[in-house]
Amino acid sequence: MKLILPAIVIALSFAMVSHADDHQGSEKDWCLLGISDKCPIPTSFTLFEEIRRIETAIKKGTAVYTPEELQRLHAMLAEAYTTKEVLEVY
C-alpha cells in the first residue's frame, strides 16, 4: 500500500514529460534531461513510451550525451522499470 501512491505519482510524472522529436538523428532529447526551454510543445506519453525514449537516448551513447547525462538517463530508466513492476503487481 505504501508503494502505490509513489508509483502513481512517478507514473504520472513520466506521462507529463514533454516530447523531443525522436527522429532528430544524433541530437539530445532535451526533454528527458529536463531542459524545458529546448523542448517543443509538451506532449503526454505513457510509461512504456517513456521507457522506449530513454532506451533510445541511452543507445546514442557518448557520441551525443555526456557521461553524467548517461548516468542520469540510466537512473531514470531504472526508476521507470521499478514503476512498471509496481504497477504490474497492482
C-alpha atoms as a PDB file:
ATOM      1  CA  MET A   1       0.000   0.000   0.000  1.00  0.00           C
ATOM      2  CA  LYS A   2       2.885   2.348   0.785  1.00  0.00           C
ATOM      3  CA  LEU A   3       4.255   1.894  -2.732  1.00  0.00           C
ATOM      4  CA  ILE A   4       1.028   2.572  -4.597  1.00  0.00           C
ATOM      5  CA  LEU A   5       0.870   6.348  -4.170  1.00  0.00           C
ATOM      6  CA  PRO A   6       4.549   6.997  -5.017  1.00  0.00           C
ATOM      7  CA  ALA A   7       4.263   4.671  -8.012  1.00  0.00           C
ATOM      8  CA  ILE A   8       1.240   6.543  -9.304  1.00  0.00           C
ATOM      9  CA  VAL A   9       2.984   9.889  -8.819  1.00  0.00           C
ATOM     10  CA  ILE A  10       6.051   8.652 -10.670  1.00  0.00           C
ATOM     11  CA  ALA A  11       3.958   7.202 -13.493  1.00  0.00           C
ATOM     12  CA  LEU A  12       2.074  10.456 -13.884  1.00  0.00           C
ATOM     13  CA  SER A  13       5.290  12.456 -13.872  1.00  0.00           C
ATOM     14  CA  PHE A  14       6.594  10.335 -16.742  1.00  0.00           C
ATOM     15  CA  ALA A  15       3.375  10.911 -18.643  1.00  0.00           C
ATOM     16  CA  MET A  16       3.706  14.675 -18.246  1.00  0.00           C
ATOM     17  CA  VAL A  17       7.230  14.925 -19.632  1.00  0.00           C
ATOM     18  CA  SER A  18       7.270  16.859 -22.866  1.00  0.00           C
ATOM     19  CA  HIS A  19       8.416  15.428 -26.159  1.00  0.00           C
ATOM     20  CA  ALA A  20      11.556  15.985 -28.207  1.00  0.00           C
ATOM     21  CA  ASP A  21      11.486  14.675 -31.744  1.00  0.00           C
ATOM     22  CA  ASP A  22      12.887  11.143 -31.805  1.00  0.00           C
ATOM     23  CA  HIS A  23      13.782  11.461 -35.482  1.00  0.00           C
ATOM     24  CA  GLN A  24      16.325  14.250 -34.971  1.00  0.00           C
ATOM     25  CA  GLY A  25      19.203  11.871 -35.508  1.00  0.00           C
ATOM     26  CA  SER A  26      22.003  12.302 -33.027  1.00  0.00           C
ATOM     27  CA  GLU A  27      20.572  15.260 -31.126  1.00  0.00           C
ATOM     28  CA  LYS A  28      19.932  15.077 -27.419  1.00  0.00           C
ATOM     29  CA  ASP A  29      16.459  14.564 -26.082  1.00  0.00           C
ATOM     30  CA  TRP A  30      16.440  17.754 -24.037  1.00  0.00           C
ATOM     31  CA  CYS A  31      13.030  16.995 -22.547  1.00  0.00           C
ATOM     32  CA  LEU A  32      14.313  13.783 -20.978  1.00  0.00           C
ATOM     33  CA  LEU A  33      17.178  15.766 -19.491  1.00  0.00           C
ATOM     34  CA  GLY A  34      14.736  18.271 -18.022  1.00  0.00           C
ATOM     35  CA  ILE A  35      15.831  21.262 -20.094  1.00  0.00           C
ATOM     36  CA  SER A  36      12.407  22.667 -20.828  1.00  0.00           C
ATOM     37  CA  ASP A  37      13.499  25.754 -22.760  1.00  0.00           C
ATOM     38  CA  LYS A  38      14.762  23.481 -25.558  1.00  0.00           C
ATOM     39  CA  CYS A  39      11.620  21.315 -25.651  1.00  0.00           C
ATOM     40  CA  PRO A  40       8.842  21.752 -28.195  1.00  0.00           C
ATOM     41  CA  ILE A  41       5.204  21.895 -27.128  1.00  0.00           C
ATOM     42  CA  PRO A  42       4.540  19.494 -24.192  1.00  0.00           C
ATOM     43  CA  THR A  43       3.057  16.122 -25.085  1.00  0.00           C
ATOM     44  CA  SER A  44       1.964  13.286 -22.809  1.00  0.00           C
ATOM     45  CA  PHE A  45       3.486   9.825 -23.050  1.00  0.00           C
ATOM     46  CA  THR A  46       2.677   6.509 -21.471  1.00  0.00           C
ATOM     47  CA  LEU A  47       5.186   4.839 -19.201  1.00  0.00           C
ATOM     48  CA  PHE A  48       6.042   2.379 -21.983  1.00  0.00           C
ATOM     49  CA  GLU A  49       6.716   5.220 -24.436  1.00  0.00           C
ATOM     50  CA  GLU A  50       8.950   6.927 -21.874  1.00  0.00           C
ATOM     51  CA  ILE A  51      10.920   3.714 -21.377  1.00  0.00           C
ATOM     52  CA  ARG A  52      11.389   3.469 -25.147  1.00  0.00           C
ATOM     53  CA  ARG A  53      12.535   7.108 -25.353  1.00  0.00           C
ATOM     54  CA  ILE A  54      15.033   6.656 -22.518  1.00  0.00           C
ATOM     55  CA  GLU A  55      16.402   3.440 -24.062  1.00  0.00           C
ATOM     56  CA  THR A  56      16.742   5.201 -27.428  1.00  0.00           C
ATOM     57  CA  ALA A  57      18.618   8.077 -25.812  1.00  0.00           C
ATOM     58  CA  ILE A  58      20.958   5.709 -23.953  1.00  0.00           C
ATOM     59  CA  LYS A  59      21.768   3.865 -27.195  1.00  0.00           C
ATOM     60  CA  LYS A  60      23.131   7.129 -28.644  1.00  0.00           C
ATOM     61  CA  GLY A  61      25.865   6.899 -26.014  1.00  0.00           C
ATOM     62  CA  THR A  62      28.753   9.263 -25.523  1.00  0.00           C
ATOM     63  CA  ALA A  63      28.567  10.427 -29.122  1.00  0.00           C
ATOM     64  CA  VAL A  64      25.593  12.554 -28.040  1.00  0.00           C
ATOM     65  CA  TYR A  65      25.404  12.571 -24.237  1.00  0.00           C
ATOM     66  CA  THR A  66      27.988  13.326 -21.570  1.00  0.00           C
ATOM     67  CA  PRO A  67      28.800  10.552 -19.084  1.00  0.00           C
ATOM     68  CA  GLU A  68      26.844  12.463 -16.424  1.00  0.00           C
ATOM     69  CA  GLU A  69      23.795  12.694 -18.696  1.00  0.00           C
ATOM     70  CA  LEU A  70      24.019   8.976 -19.482  1.00  0.00           C
ATOM     71  CA  GLN A  71      24.209   8.223 -15.768  1.00  0.00           C
ATOM     72  CA  ARG A  72      21.080  10.312 -15.240  1.00  0.00           C
ATOM     73  CA  LEU A  73      19.301   8.513 -18.109  1.00  0.00           C
ATOM     74  CA  HIS A  74      20.231   5.114 -16.635  1.00  0.00           C
ATOM     75  CA  ALA A  75      18.802   6.207 -13.270  1.00  0.00           C
ATOM     76  CA  MET A  76      15.617   7.369 -14.993  1.00  0.00           C
ATOM     77  CA  LEU A  77      15.343   4.038 -16.803  1.00  0.00           C
ATOM     78  CA  ALA A  78      15.803   2.091 -13.570  1.00  0.00           C
ATOM     79  CA  GLU A  79      13.091   4.201 -11.933  1.00  0.00           C
ATOM     80  CA  ALA A  80      10.766   3.660 -14.893  1.00  0.00           C
ATOM     81  CA  TYR A  81      11.240  -0.120 -14.721  1.00  0.00           C
ATOM     82  CA  THR A  82      10.598  -0.071 -10.969  1.00  0.00           C
ATOM     83  CA  THR A  83       7.404   1.885 -11.561  1.00  0.00           C
ATOM     84  CA  LYS A  84       6.365  -0.562 -14.270  1.00  0.00           C
ATOM     85  CA  GLU A  85       6.930  -3.519 -11.951  1.00  0.00           C
ATOM     86  CA  VAL A  86       4.946  -1.910  -9.139  1.00  0.00           C
ATOM     87  CA  LEU A  87       2.071  -1.086 -11.461  1.00  0.00           C
ATOM     88  CA  GLU A  88       2.014  -4.618 -12.848  1.00  0.00           C
ATOM     89  CA  VAL A  89       1.602  -6.026  -9.333  1.00  0.00           C
ATOM     90  CA  TYR A  90      -1.500  -3.932  -8.738  1.00  0.00           C
END
